[in-house]
C-alpha atoms as a PDB file:
ATOM      1  CA  UNK A   1      72.210 153.202  99.865  1.00  0.00           C
ATOM      2  CA  UNK A   2      75.510 153.161  98.287  1.00  0.00           C
ATOM      3  CA  UNK A   3      76.785 150.610 100.830  1.00  0.00           C
ATOM      4  CA  UNK A   4      73.801 148.223 100.231  1.00  0.00           C
ATOM      5  CA  UNK A   5      74.335 148.637  96.512  1.00  0.00           C
ATOM      6  CA  UNK A   6      78.069 147.715  96.972  1.00  0.00           C
ATOM      7  CA  UNK A   7      77.142 144.729  98.935  1.00  0.00           C
ATOM      8  CA  UNK A   8      74.598 143.524  96.545  1.00  0.00           C
ATOM      9  CA  UNK A   9      77.102 143.812  93.691  1.00  0.00           C
ATOM     10  CA  UNK A  10      79.755 141.953  95.651  1.00  0.00           C
ATOM     11  CA  UNK A  11      77.258 139.266  96.287  1.00  0.00           C
ATOM     12  CA  UNK A  12      76.364 138.887  92.789  1.00  0.00           C
ATOM     13  CA  UNK A  13      80.024 138.968  91.524  1.00  0.00           C
ATOM     14  CA  UNK A  14      80.661 136.012  93.933  1.00  0.00           C
ATOM     15  CA  UNK A  15      77.627 134.050  92.945  1.00  0.00           C
ATOM     16  CA  UNK A  16      78.796 134.550  89.377  1.00  0.00           C
ATOM     17  CA  UNK A  17      82.405 133.397  90.135  1.00  0.00           C
ATOM     18  CA  UNK A  18      81.087 130.130  91.576  1.00  0.00           C
ATOM     19  CA  UNK A  19      80.172 128.902  88.074  1.00  0.00           C
ATOM     20  CA  UNK A  20      83.533 129.797  86.581  1.00  0.00           C
ATOM     21  CA  UNK A  21      85.951 126.958  86.214  1.00  0.00           C
ATOM     22  CA  UNK A  22      89.379 127.126  87.729  1.00  0.00           C
ATOM     23  CA  UNK A  23      92.561 125.652  86.327  1.00  0.00           C
ATOM     24  CA  UNK A  24      92.945 123.159  89.432  1.00  0.00           C
ATOM     25  CA  UNK A  25      89.584 121.758  88.296  1.00  0.00           C
ATOM     26  CA  UNK A  26      91.370 120.290  85.278  1.00  0.00           C
ATOM     27  CA  UNK A  27      93.609 118.048  87.496  1.00  0.00           C
ATOM     28  CA  UNK A  28      91.218 115.050  88.077  1.00  0.00           C
ATOM     29  CA  UNK A  29      90.473 114.830  84.284  1.00  0.00           C
ATOM     30  CA  UNK A  30      93.998 115.002  83.219  1.00  0.00           C
ATOM     31  CA  UNK A  31      94.633 112.248  85.763  1.00  0.00           C
ATOM     32  CA  UNK A  32      92.014 110.247  84.252  1.00  0.00           C
ATOM     33  CA  UNK A  33      93.539 110.666  80.742  1.00  0.00           C
ATOM     34  CA  UNK A  34      97.079 109.791  82.157  1.00  0.00           C
ATOM     35  CA  UNK A  35      95.780 106.531  83.565  1.00  0.00           C
ATOM     36  CA  UNK A  36      94.466 105.496  80.166  1.00  0.00           C
ATOM     37  CA  UNK A  37      97.877 106.051  78.522  1.00  0.00           C
ATOM     38  CA  UNK A  38     100.279 105.191  81.210  1.00  0.00           C
ATOM     39  CA  UNK A  39      98.601 102.544  83.301  1.00  0.00           C
ATOM     40  CA  UNK A  40      96.604 100.368  80.804  1.00  0.00           C
ATOM     41  CA  UNK A  41      97.304  97.205  82.988  1.00  0.00           C
ATOM     42  CA  UNK A  42      94.942  98.778  85.607  1.00  0.00           C
ATOM     43  CA  UNK A  43      92.090  99.938  83.357  1.00  0.00           C
ATOM     44  CA  UNK A  44      89.607  97.270  84.740  1.00  0.00           C
ATOM     45  CA  UNK A  45      90.200  98.697  88.224  1.00  0.00           C
ATOM     46  CA  UNK A  46      90.177 102.246  86.596  1.00  0.00           C
ATOM     47  CA  UNK A  47      86.819 101.512  85.079  1.00  0.00           C
ATOM     48  CA  UNK A  48      85.301 100.400  88.511  1.00  0.00           C
ATOM     49  CA  UNK A  49      86.773 103.584  90.196  1.00  0.00           C
ATOM     50  CA  UNK A  50      85.131 105.916  87.471  1.00  0.00           C
ATOM     51  CA  UNK A  51      81.876 104.203  88.020  1.00  0.00           C
ATOM     52  CA  UNK A  52      81.856 104.486  91.693  1.00  0.00           C
ATOM     53  CA  UNK A  53      82.879 108.192  91.572  1.00  0.00           C
ATOM     54  CA  UNK A  54      79.697 108.693  89.559  1.00  0.00           C
ATOM     55  CA  UNK A  55      77.779 106.791  92.170  1.00  0.00           C
ATOM     56  CA  UNK A  56      79.203 108.754  95.134  1.00  0.00           C
ATOM     57  CA  UNK A  57      78.597 112.025  93.210  1.00  0.00           C
ATOM     58  CA  UNK A  58      74.850 111.066  93.008  1.00  0.00           C
ATOM     59  CA  UNK A  59      74.915 110.457  96.722  1.00  0.00           C
ATOM     60  CA  UNK A  60      76.743 113.849  97.436  1.00  0.00           C
ATOM     61  CA  UNK A  61      73.970 115.758  95.565  1.00  0.00           C
ATOM     62  CA  UNK A  62      71.579 114.709  98.301  1.00  0.00           C
ATOM     63  CA  UNK A  63      73.725 114.317 101.234  1.00  0.00           C
ATOM     64  CA  UNK A  64      76.177 117.077 100.731  1.00  0.00           C
ATOM     65  CA  UNK A  65      73.718 119.667  99.372  1.00  0.00           C
ATOM     66  CA  UNK A  66      70.344 118.919 100.499  1.00  0.00           C
ATOM     67  CA  UNK A  67      71.113 117.118 103.793  1.00  0.00           C
ATOM     68  CA  UNK A  68      69.238 113.947 102.917  1.00  0.00           C
ATOM     69  CA  UNK A  69      71.062 111.037 104.688  1.00  0.00           C
ATOM     70  CA  UNK A  70      70.575 107.627 102.997  1.00  0.00           C
ATOM     71  CA  UNK A  71      71.636 104.013 103.989  1.00  0.00           C
ATOM     72  CA  UNK A  72      69.660 102.697 100.776  1.00  0.00           C
ATOM     73  CA  UNK A  73      71.240 104.436  97.779  1.00  0.00           C
ATOM     74  CA  UNK A  74      72.151 101.081  96.324  1.00  0.00           C
ATOM     75  CA  UNK A  75      68.437 100.764  95.561  1.00  0.00           C
ATOM     76  CA  UNK A  76      68.733 103.109  92.575  1.00  0.00           C
ATOM     77  CA  UNK A  77      72.280 101.757  91.478  1.00  0.00           C
ATOM     78  CA  UNK A  78      70.973  98.199  91.512  1.00  0.00           C
ATOM     79  CA  UNK A  79      67.682  99.062  89.720  1.00  0.00           C
ATOM     80  CA  UNK A  80      69.702 100.897  87.020  1.00  0.00           C
ATOM     81  CA  UNK A  81      72.225  97.778  86.703  1.00  0.00           C
ATOM     82  CA  UNK A  82      69.382  95.363  86.354  1.00  0.00           C
ATOM     83  CA  UNK A  83      67.399  97.594  83.890  1.00  0.00           C
ATOM     84  CA  UNK A  84      70.639  97.696  81.536  1.00  0.00           C
ATOM     85  CA  UNK A  85      71.358  94.077  82.174  1.00  0.00           C
ATOM     86  CA  UNK A  86      67.925  92.784  81.273  1.00  0.00           C
ATOM     87  CA  UNK A  87      67.559  94.940  78.342  1.00  0.00           C
ATOM     88  CA  UNK A  88      70.975  93.632  76.965  1.00  0.00           C
ATOM     89  CA  UNK A  89      70.023  90.143  77.816  1.00  0.00           C
ATOM     90  CA  UNK A  90      66.698  90.358  75.797  1.00  0.00           C
ATOM     91  CA  UNK A  91      68.232  91.531  72.649  1.00  0.00           C
ATOM     92  CA  UNK A  92      68.850  95.294  73.020  1.00  0.00           C
ATOM     93  CA  UNK A  93      72.536  95.737  73.987  1.00  0.00           C
ATOM     94  CA  UNK A  94      73.246  99.077  72.635  1.00  0.00           C
ATOM     95  CA  UNK A  95      75.059 100.803  75.404  1.00  0.00           C
ATOM     96  CA  UNK A  96      73.909 104.465  75.374  1.00  0.00           C
ATOM     97  CA  UNK A  97      70.280 103.745  75.111  1.00  0.00           C
ATOM     98  CA  UNK A  98      70.621 101.110  77.860  1.00  0.00           C
ATOM     99  CA  UNK A  99      71.962 103.969  80.034  1.00  0.00           C
ATOM    100  CA  UNK A 100      68.767 106.004  79.319  1.00  0.00           C
ATOM    101  CA  UNK A 101      66.555 103.089  80.285  1.00  0.00           C
ATOM    102  CA  UNK A 102      68.615 102.670  83.524  1.00  0.00           C
ATOM    103  CA  UNK A 103      68.382 106.196  84.274  1.00  0.00           C
ATOM    104  CA  UNK A 104      64.581 106.333  83.764  1.00  0.00           C
ATOM    105  CA  UNK A 105      63.832 103.128  85.941  1.00  0.00           C
ATOM    106  CA  UNK A 106      65.877 104.566  88.851  1.00  0.00           C
ATOM    107  CA  UNK A 107      64.427 107.957  88.520  1.00  0.00           C
ATOM    108  CA  UNK A 108      60.913 106.440  88.532  1.00  0.00           C
ATOM    109  CA  UNK A 109      61.646 104.385  91.762  1.00  0.00           C
ATOM    110  CA  UNK A 110      63.416 107.503  93.332  1.00  0.00           C
ATOM    111  CA  UNK A 111      60.461 109.743  92.640  1.00  0.00           C
ATOM    112  CA  UNK A 112      57.831 107.341  93.938  1.00  0.00           C
ATOM    113  CA  UNK A 113      59.757 106.426  97.047  1.00  0.00           C
ATOM    114  CA  UNK A 114      61.090 109.978  97.749  1.00  0.00           C
ATOM    115  CA  UNK A 115      57.414 111.505  97.526  1.00  0.00           C
ATOM    116  CA  UNK A 116      56.740 109.351 100.690  1.00  0.00           C
ATOM    117  CA  UNK A 117      60.089 108.948 102.435  1.00  0.00           C
ATOM    118  CA  UNK A 118      61.060 112.625 102.270  1.00  0.00           C
ATOM    119  CA  UNK A 119      58.229 113.619 104.444  1.00  0.00           C
ATOM    120  CA  UNK A 120      60.283 112.194 107.351  1.00  0.00           C
ATOM    121  CA  UNK A 121      63.609 113.285 108.740  1.00  0.00           C
ATOM    122  CA  UNK A 122      66.438 112.097 110.820  1.00  0.00           C
ATOM    123  CA  UNK A 123      66.584 108.398 111.854  1.00  0.00           C
ATOM    124  CA  UNK A 124      63.304 107.686 110.447  1.00  0.00           C
ATOM    125  CA  UNK A 125      64.328 108.613 107.000  1.00  0.00           C
ATOM    126  CA  UNK A 126      67.627 106.885 107.382  1.00  0.00           C
ATOM    127  CA  UNK A 127      65.879 103.622 108.273  1.00  0.00           C
ATOM    128  CA  UNK A 128      63.164 103.913 105.570  1.00  0.00           C
ATOM    129  CA  UNK A 129      65.895 104.351 102.981  1.00  0.00           C
ATOM    130  CA  UNK A 130      67.560 101.381 104.116  1.00  0.00           C
ATOM    131  CA  UNK A 131      64.355  99.381 104.166  1.00  0.00           C
ATOM    132  CA  UNK A 132      63.578 100.329 100.391  1.00  0.00           C
ATOM    133  CA  UNK A 133      67.065  98.691  99.361  1.00  0.00           C
ATOM    134  CA  UNK A 134      66.428  95.613 101.491  1.00  0.00           C
ATOM    135  CA  UNK A 135      63.027  95.291 100.021  1.00  0.00           C
ATOM    136  CA  UNK A 136      64.165  95.526  96.440  1.00  0.00           C
ATOM    137  CA  UNK A 137      66.928  93.162  96.962  1.00  0.00           C
ATOM    138  CA  UNK A 138      64.662  90.516  98.581  1.00  0.00           C
ATOM    139  CA  UNK A 139      62.106  91.055  95.751  1.00  0.00           C
ATOM    140  CA  UNK A 140      65.013  90.448  93.288  1.00  0.00           C
ATOM    141  CA  UNK A 141      65.941  87.423  94.897  1.00  0.00           C
ATOM    142  CA  UNK A 142      62.333  86.022  95.118  1.00  0.00           C
ATOM    143  CA  UNK A 143      62.017  86.631  91.242  1.00  0.00           C
ATOM    144  CA  UNK A 144      65.250  84.771  90.485  1.00  0.00           C
ATOM    145  CA  UNK A 145      63.521  83.585  87.247  1.00  0.00           C
ATOM    146  CA  UNK A 146      64.146  87.177  85.946  1.00  0.00           C
ATOM    147  CA  UNK A 147      67.046  88.334  87.817  1.00  0.00           C
ATOM    148  CA  UNK A 148      69.135  85.263  87.974  1.00  0.00           C
ATOM    149  CA  UNK A 149      69.259  85.442  91.847  1.00  0.00           C
ATOM    150  CA  UNK A 150      72.668  84.896  93.423  1.00  0.00           C
ATOM    151  CA  UNK A 151      73.822  83.401  90.057  1.00  0.00           C
ATOM    152  CA  UNK A 152      73.436  86.578  88.282  1.00  0.00           C
ATOM    153  CA  UNK A 153      73.036  87.700  84.758  1.00  0.00           C
ATOM    154  CA  UNK A 154      75.730  87.377  82.149  1.00  0.00           C
ATOM    155  CA  UNK A 155      75.272  89.224  78.735  1.00  0.00           C
ATOM    156  CA  UNK A 156      77.183  90.464  75.922  1.00  0.00           C
ATOM    157  CA  UNK A 157      77.137  94.230  74.912  1.00  0.00           C
ATOM    158  CA  UNK A 158      77.098  95.546  71.413  1.00  0.00           C
ATOM    159  CA  UNK A 159      79.942  97.753  70.116  1.00  0.00           C
ATOM    160  CA  UNK A 160      79.964 101.306  71.319  1.00  0.00           C
ATOM    161  CA  UNK A 161      78.848 103.447  68.591  1.00  0.00           C
ATOM    162  CA  UNK A 162      78.679 100.494  66.466  1.00  0.00           C
ATOM    163  CA  UNK A 163      82.692 100.336  66.171  1.00  0.00           C
ATOM    164  CA  UNK A 164      84.302  99.909  69.808  1.00  0.00           C
ATOM    165  CA  UNK A 165      83.958  96.545  71.304  1.00  0.00           C
ATOM    166  CA  UNK A 166      84.030  95.806  74.924  1.00  0.00           C
ATOM    167  CA  UNK A 167      87.097  93.914  75.188  1.00  0.00           C
ATOM    168  CA  UNK A 168      89.063  92.097  77.869  1.00  0.00           C
ATOM    169  CA  UNK A 169      91.491  95.029  78.371  1.00  0.00           C
ATOM    170  CA  UNK A 170      88.664  97.504  79.327  1.00  0.00           C
ATOM    171  CA  UNK A 171      89.984 100.303  76.869  1.00  0.00           C
ATOM    172  CA  UNK A 172      86.631 100.901  75.553  1.00  0.00           C
ATOM    173  CA  UNK A 173      84.942 100.513  79.018  1.00  0.00           C
ATOM    174  CA  UNK A 174      87.266 102.975  80.591  1.00  0.00           C
ATOM    175  CA  UNK A 175      86.938 105.706  78.006  1.00  0.00           C
ATOM    176  CA  UNK A 176      82.974 105.129  77.971  1.00  0.00           C
ATOM    177  CA  UNK A 177      82.774 105.370  81.735  1.00  0.00           C
ATOM    178  CA  UNK A 178      85.086 108.498  81.979  1.00  0.00           C
ATOM    179  CA  UNK A 179      82.983 110.427  79.290  1.00  0.00           C
ATOM    180  CA  UNK A 180      79.632 109.471  81.086  1.00  0.00           C
ATOM    181  CA  UNK A 181      81.187 110.763  84.391  1.00  0.00           C
ATOM    182  CA  UNK A 182      82.351 114.052  82.795  1.00  0.00           C
ATOM    183  CA  UNK A 183      78.828 114.605  81.333  1.00  0.00           C
ATOM    184  CA  UNK A 184      77.104 113.792  84.802  1.00  0.00           C
ATOM    185  CA  UNK A 185      79.738 115.880  86.650  1.00  0.00           C
ATOM    186  CA  UNK A 186      78.901 118.910  84.407  1.00  0.00           C
ATOM    187  CA  UNK A 187      75.149 118.306  85.169  1.00  0.00           C
ATOM    188  CA  UNK A 188      75.734 118.153  88.967  1.00  0.00           C
ATOM    189  CA  UNK A 189      78.004 121.081  88.979  1.00  0.00           C
ATOM    190  CA  UNK A 190      75.471 123.242  87.170  1.00  0.00           C
ATOM    191  CA  UNK A 191      72.667 122.106  89.590  1.00  0.00           C
ATOM    192  CA  UNK A 192      74.577 122.879  92.775  1.00  0.00           C
ATOM    193  CA  UNK A 193      75.663 126.381  91.541  1.00  0.00           C
ATOM    194  CA  UNK A 194      72.229 127.347  90.218  1.00  0.00           C
ATOM    195  CA  UNK A 195      69.462 129.111  92.397  1.00  0.00           C
ATOM    196  CA  UNK A 196      68.039 125.513  92.872  1.00  0.00           C
ATOM    197  CA  UNK A 197      71.395 124.428  94.421  1.00  0.00           C
ATOM    198  CA  UNK A 198      71.345 127.493  96.772  1.00  0.00           C
ATOM    199  CA  UNK A 199      67.772 126.480  97.908  1.00  0.00           C
ATOM    200  CA  UNK A 200      68.981 122.925  98.618  1.00  0.00           C
ATOM    201  CA  UNK A 201      71.561 124.323 100.773  1.00  0.00           C
ATOM    202  CA  UNK A 202      69.306 126.514 102.673  1.00  0.00           C
ATOM    203  CA  UNK A 203      67.044 123.447 103.283  1.00  0.00           C
ATOM    204  CA  UNK A 204      70.046 121.597 104.613  1.00  0.00           C
ATOM    205  CA  UNK A 205      70.973 124.406 106.873  1.00  0.00           C
ATOM    206  CA  UNK A 206      67.480 125.450 108.331  1.00  0.00           C
ATOM    207  CA  UNK A 207      64.316 123.891 107.111  1.00  0.00           C
ATOM    208  CA  UNK A 208      61.975 125.811 109.134  1.00  0.00           C
ATOM    209  CA  UNK A 209      63.277 129.146 107.867  1.00  0.00           C
ATOM    210  CA  UNK A 210      62.913 127.946 104.140  1.00  0.00           C
ATOM    211  CA  UNK A 211      59.333 126.997 104.843  1.00  0.00           C
ATOM    212  CA  UNK A 212      58.811 130.602 106.322  1.00  0.00           C
ATOM    213  CA  UNK A 213      59.974 132.314 103.071  1.00  0.00           C
ATOM    214  CA  UNK A 214      57.613 130.211 101.076  1.00  0.00           C
ATOM    215  CA  UNK A 215      60.177 127.775  99.486  1.00  0.00           C
ATOM    216  CA  UNK A 216      58.285 124.500  98.414  1.00  0.00           C
ATOM    217  CA  UNK A 217      60.707 122.398 100.411  1.00  0.00           C
ATOM    218  CA  UNK A 218      59.190 118.877  99.753  1.00  0.00           C
ATOM    219  CA  UNK A 219      58.967 119.451  96.179  1.00  0.00           C
ATOM    220  CA  UNK A 220      62.664 120.577  96.020  1.00  0.00           C
ATOM    221  CA  UNK A 221      63.733 117.566  98.018  1.00  0.00           C
ATOM    222  CA  UNK A 222      61.699 115.124  95.909  1.00  0.00           C
ATOM    223  CA  UNK A 223      63.167 116.730  92.674  1.00  0.00           C
ATOM    224  CA  UNK A 224      66.706 116.494  93.915  1.00  0.00           C
ATOM    225  CA  UNK A 225      66.150 112.907  95.207  1.00  0.00           C
ATOM    226  CA  UNK A 226      64.861 112.041  91.584  1.00  0.00           C
ATOM    227  CA  UNK A 227      67.760 113.391  89.937  1.00  0.00           C
ATOM    228  CA  UNK A 228      70.087 111.744  92.196  1.00  0.00           C
ATOM    229  CA  UNK A 229      68.263 108.376  91.874  1.00  0.00           C
ATOM    230  CA  UNK A 230      68.730 108.846  87.976  1.00  0.00           C
ATOM    231  CA  UNK A 231      72.524 109.423  88.297  1.00  0.00           C
ATOM    232  CA  UNK A 232      72.808 106.372  90.483  1.00  0.00           C
ATOM    233  CA  UNK A 233      70.950 104.498  88.069  1.00  0.00           C
ATOM    234  CA  UNK A 234      73.329 105.575  85.354  1.00  0.00           C
ATOM    235  CA  UNK A 235      76.151 104.587  87.503  1.00  0.00           C
ATOM    236  CA  UNK A 236      74.459 101.077  87.930  1.00  0.00           C
ATOM    237  CA  UNK A 237      73.801 100.615  84.297  1.00  0.00           C
ATOM    238  CA  UNK A 238      77.423 101.639  83.554  1.00  0.00           C
ATOM    239  CA  UNK A 239      78.707  99.084  86.004  1.00  0.00           C
ATOM    240  CA  UNK A 240      76.503  96.381  84.530  1.00  0.00           C
ATOM    241  CA  UNK A 241      77.693  97.193  81.010  1.00  0.00           C
ATOM    242  CA  UNK A 242      81.374  97.542  81.664  1.00  0.00           C
ATOM    243  CA  UNK A 243      81.400  94.323  83.795  1.00  0.00           C
ATOM    244  CA  UNK A 244      78.812  92.535  81.457  1.00  0.00           C
ATOM    245  CA  UNK A 245      77.462  90.670  84.560  1.00  0.00           C
ATOM    246  CA  UNK A 246      75.419  91.632  87.402  1.00  0.00           C
ATOM    247  CA  UNK A 247      74.154  90.013  90.715  1.00  0.00           C
ATOM    248  CA  UNK A 248      72.195  90.784  93.789  1.00  0.00           C
ATOM    249  CA  UNK A 249      75.195  92.396  95.132  1.00  0.00           C
ATOM    250  CA  UNK A 250      74.236  95.691  93.402  1.00  0.00           C
ATOM    251  CA  UNK A 251      71.399  96.034  95.664  1.00  0.00           C
ATOM    252  CA  UNK A 252      73.238  95.133  98.828  1.00  0.00           C
ATOM    253  CA  UNK A 253      73.274  97.201 102.193  1.00  0.00           C
ATOM    254  CA  UNK A 254      77.088  96.735 102.078  1.00  0.00           C
ATOM    255  CA  UNK A 255      77.244  98.770  98.919  1.00  0.00           C
ATOM    256  CA  UNK A 256      75.101 101.549 100.252  1.00  0.00           C
ATOM    257  CA  UNK A 257      77.403 101.520 103.489  1.00  0.00           C
ATOM    258  CA  UNK A 258      80.627 101.428 101.441  1.00  0.00           C
ATOM    259  CA  UNK A 259      79.594 104.449  99.056  1.00  0.00           C
ATOM    260  CA  UNK A 260      78.666 106.377 102.182  1.00  0.00           C
ATOM    261  CA  UNK A 261      81.980 105.726 103.624  1.00  0.00           C
ATOM    262  CA  UNK A 262      83.768 106.606 100.462  1.00  0.00           C
ATOM    263  CA  UNK A 263      82.095 109.932 100.133  1.00  0.00           C
ATOM    264  CA  UNK A 264      82.683 110.822 104.055  1.00  0.00           C
ATOM    265  CA  UNK A 265      86.336 109.856 103.431  1.00  0.00           C
ATOM    266  CA  UNK A 266      86.671 112.324 100.445  1.00  0.00           C
ATOM    267  CA  UNK A 267      84.524 115.097 101.951  1.00  0.00           C
ATOM    268  CA  UNK A 268      80.735 115.749 101.423  1.00  0.00           C
ATOM    269  CA  UNK A 269      79.308 118.896  99.621  1.00  0.00           C
ATOM    270  CA  UNK A 270      82.440 119.594  97.580  1.00  0.00           C
ATOM    271  CA  UNK A 271      81.846 117.689  94.299  1.00  0.00           C
ATOM    272  CA  UNK A 272      85.654 116.715  94.066  1.00  0.00           C
ATOM    273  CA  UNK A 273      85.328 114.791  97.439  1.00  0.00           C
ATOM    274  CA  UNK A 274      83.777 112.036  95.558  1.00  0.00           C
ATOM    275  CA  UNK A 275      86.851 111.716  93.484  1.00  0.00           C
ATOM    276  CA  UNK A 276      89.216 111.675  96.240  1.00  0.00           C
ATOM    277  CA  UNK A 277      87.418 109.424  98.575  1.00  0.00           C
ATOM    278  CA  UNK A 278      86.538 106.831  96.214  1.00  0.00           C
ATOM    279  CA  UNK A 279      89.844 106.626  94.508  1.00  0.00           C
ATOM    280  CA  UNK A 280      91.847 106.401  97.933  1.00  0.00           C
ATOM    281  CA  UNK A 281      89.422 103.694  99.366  1.00  0.00           C
ATOM    282  CA  UNK A 282      89.403 101.475  96.290  1.00  0.00           C
ATOM    283  CA  UNK A 283      93.160 101.736  95.754  1.00  0.00           C
ATOM    284  CA  UNK A 284      93.605 100.975  99.501  1.00  0.00           C
ATOM    285  CA  UNK A 285      91.261  98.168  99.357  1.00  0.00           C
ATOM    286  CA  UNK A 286      92.938  96.687  96.289  1.00  0.00           C
ATOM    287  CA  UNK A 287      96.388  96.823  97.492  1.00  0.00           C
ATOM    288  CA  UNK A 288      95.610  95.811 101.132  1.00  0.00           C
ATOM    289  CA  UNK A 289      93.523  92.814  99.980  1.00  0.00           C
ATOM    290  CA  UNK A 290      96.597  91.670  97.886  1.00  0.00           C
ATOM    291  CA  UNK A 291      99.101  91.976 100.640  1.00  0.00           C
ATOM    292  CA  UNK A 292      96.948  91.141 103.645  1.00  0.00           C
ATOM    293  CA  UNK A 293      93.972  89.013 102.498  1.00  0.00           C
ATOM    294  CA  UNK A 294      92.564  88.209 105.965  1.00  0.00           C
ATOM    295  CA  UNK A 295      93.255  91.654 107.608  1.00  0.00           C
ATOM    296  CA  UNK A 296      92.884  94.323 104.963  1.00  0.00           C
ATOM    297  CA  UNK A 297      89.503  95.749 106.594  1.00  0.00           C
ATOM    298  CA  UNK A 298      91.726  96.646 109.562  1.00  0.00           C
ATOM    299  CA  UNK A 299      93.869  98.841 107.429  1.00  0.00           C
ATOM    300  CA  UNK A 300      90.711 100.580 105.878  1.00  0.00           C
ATOM    301  CA  UNK A 301      89.215 100.990 109.384  1.00  0.00           C
ATOM    302  CA  UNK A 302      92.407 102.678 110.778  1.00  0.00           C
ATOM    303  CA  UNK A 303      92.386 105.224 107.775  1.00  0.00           C
ATOM    304  CA  UNK A 304      88.873 106.074 108.502  1.00  0.00           C
ATOM    305  CA  UNK A 305      89.309 106.594 112.221  1.00  0.00           C
ATOM    306  CA  UNK A 306      92.383 108.936 111.354  1.00  0.00           C
ATOM    307  CA  UNK A 307      90.052 110.903 108.851  1.00  0.00           C
ATOM    308  CA  UNK A 308      87.161 111.265 111.417  1.00  0.00           C
ATOM    309  CA  UNK A 309      89.619 112.434 114.093  1.00  0.00           C
ATOM    310  CA  UNK A 310      91.883 114.760 112.326  1.00  0.00           C
ATOM    311  CA  UNK A 311      90.109 115.480 108.984  1.00  0.00           C
ATOM    312  CA  UNK A 312      86.433 116.348 109.801  1.00  0.00           C
ATOM    313  CA  UNK A 313      85.853 117.723 106.237  1.00  0.00           C
ATOM    314  CA  UNK A 314      87.323 114.655 104.546  1.00  0.00           C
ATOM    315  CA  UNK A 315      90.644 114.395 102.696  1.00  0.00           C
ATOM    316  CA  UNK A 316      89.610 116.848 100.103  1.00  0.00           C
ATOM    317  CA  UNK A 317      88.960 119.453 102.967  1.00  0.00           C
ATOM    318  CA  UNK A 318      92.249 118.716 104.402  1.00  0.00           C
ATOM    319  CA  UNK A 319      93.907 119.341 101.118  1.00  0.00           C
ATOM    320  CA  UNK A 320      91.904 122.717 100.935  1.00  0.00           C
ATOM    321  CA  UNK A 321      93.323 123.567 104.233  1.00  0.00           C
ATOM    322  CA  UNK A 322      96.838 122.752 103.264  1.00  0.00           C
ATOM    323  CA  UNK A 323      96.616 124.948 100.093  1.00  0.00           C
ATOM    324  CA  UNK A 324      95.235 127.860 102.214  1.00  0.00           C
ATOM    325  CA  UNK A 325      98.045 127.755 104.722  1.00  0.00           C
ATOM    326  CA  UNK A 326     100.599 127.545 101.861  1.00  0.00           C
ATOM    327  CA  UNK A 327      99.010 130.678 100.239  1.00  0.00           C
ATOM    328  CA  UNK A 328      99.106 132.383 103.638  1.00  0.00           C
ATOM    329  CA  UNK A 329     102.677 131.709 104.049  1.00  0.00           C
ATOM    330  CA  UNK A 330     103.515 133.210 100.663  1.00  0.00           C
END
């Protein structure tokens, strides 16, 4: 009885410690602040990186924690982008409420599609998620009178909080995107460390066992899929607002594949893997495209091959292993 009590107490202490912030977790946020003050010439690229980190974080919530593999996550990103863009184009250009509308629109699509799609698993689910994104892109192309088709939609945002204009130097856009990312990250972190998040990990590891203990598996999956869709919609709305322009590319299969690659590059199921993967990928893409305009994809491909061969848990997992070895030597 004493041993069982001690084990239960140790387990409870471990679960409580998962919620606590560690000093190392401040590093990415300090880097975001440093970029604003030191690298102001790169705030346009920085804004795109922040938006894509949020997008990758939304995908990590379903892939890394619930085991839902998707090749159509751009569907929710695109719905959020178009919702924010159309709202601004038709006279309501206030940024924060635009993000709320983007999240609601993407969540509605996520809940409706997830209720059907998540009854399947494996390759079938993979193909169906891709099909949803393709259908939405074709629908948007067919209704070019609303979406602008391949020409896109250009619009002007109102000042943030009535005071801060969205200028050409991207100062307001960068801070705005970083604050939204912080709030979304805190939400995702809370979810994955809560009992709900533990159930998602159980579903990822063994669906049959979770059914056997009475867990409402389908309802849990639809719930997290809807939350993920809402976050992707926020990322899409944020992208449209910071760029003040949106095209059919926000619904493309290329975008779904690219964000999946970014997440795998950083490491799934680790929250901060999205930060590492997106940042490394987009900086590599930017620099290689400048130096080797025709062959930059070859460099990206070589990095991905090396990561798959020598860092199965992604770059963030590789860094974790290096830190553990260093502590072991000490």
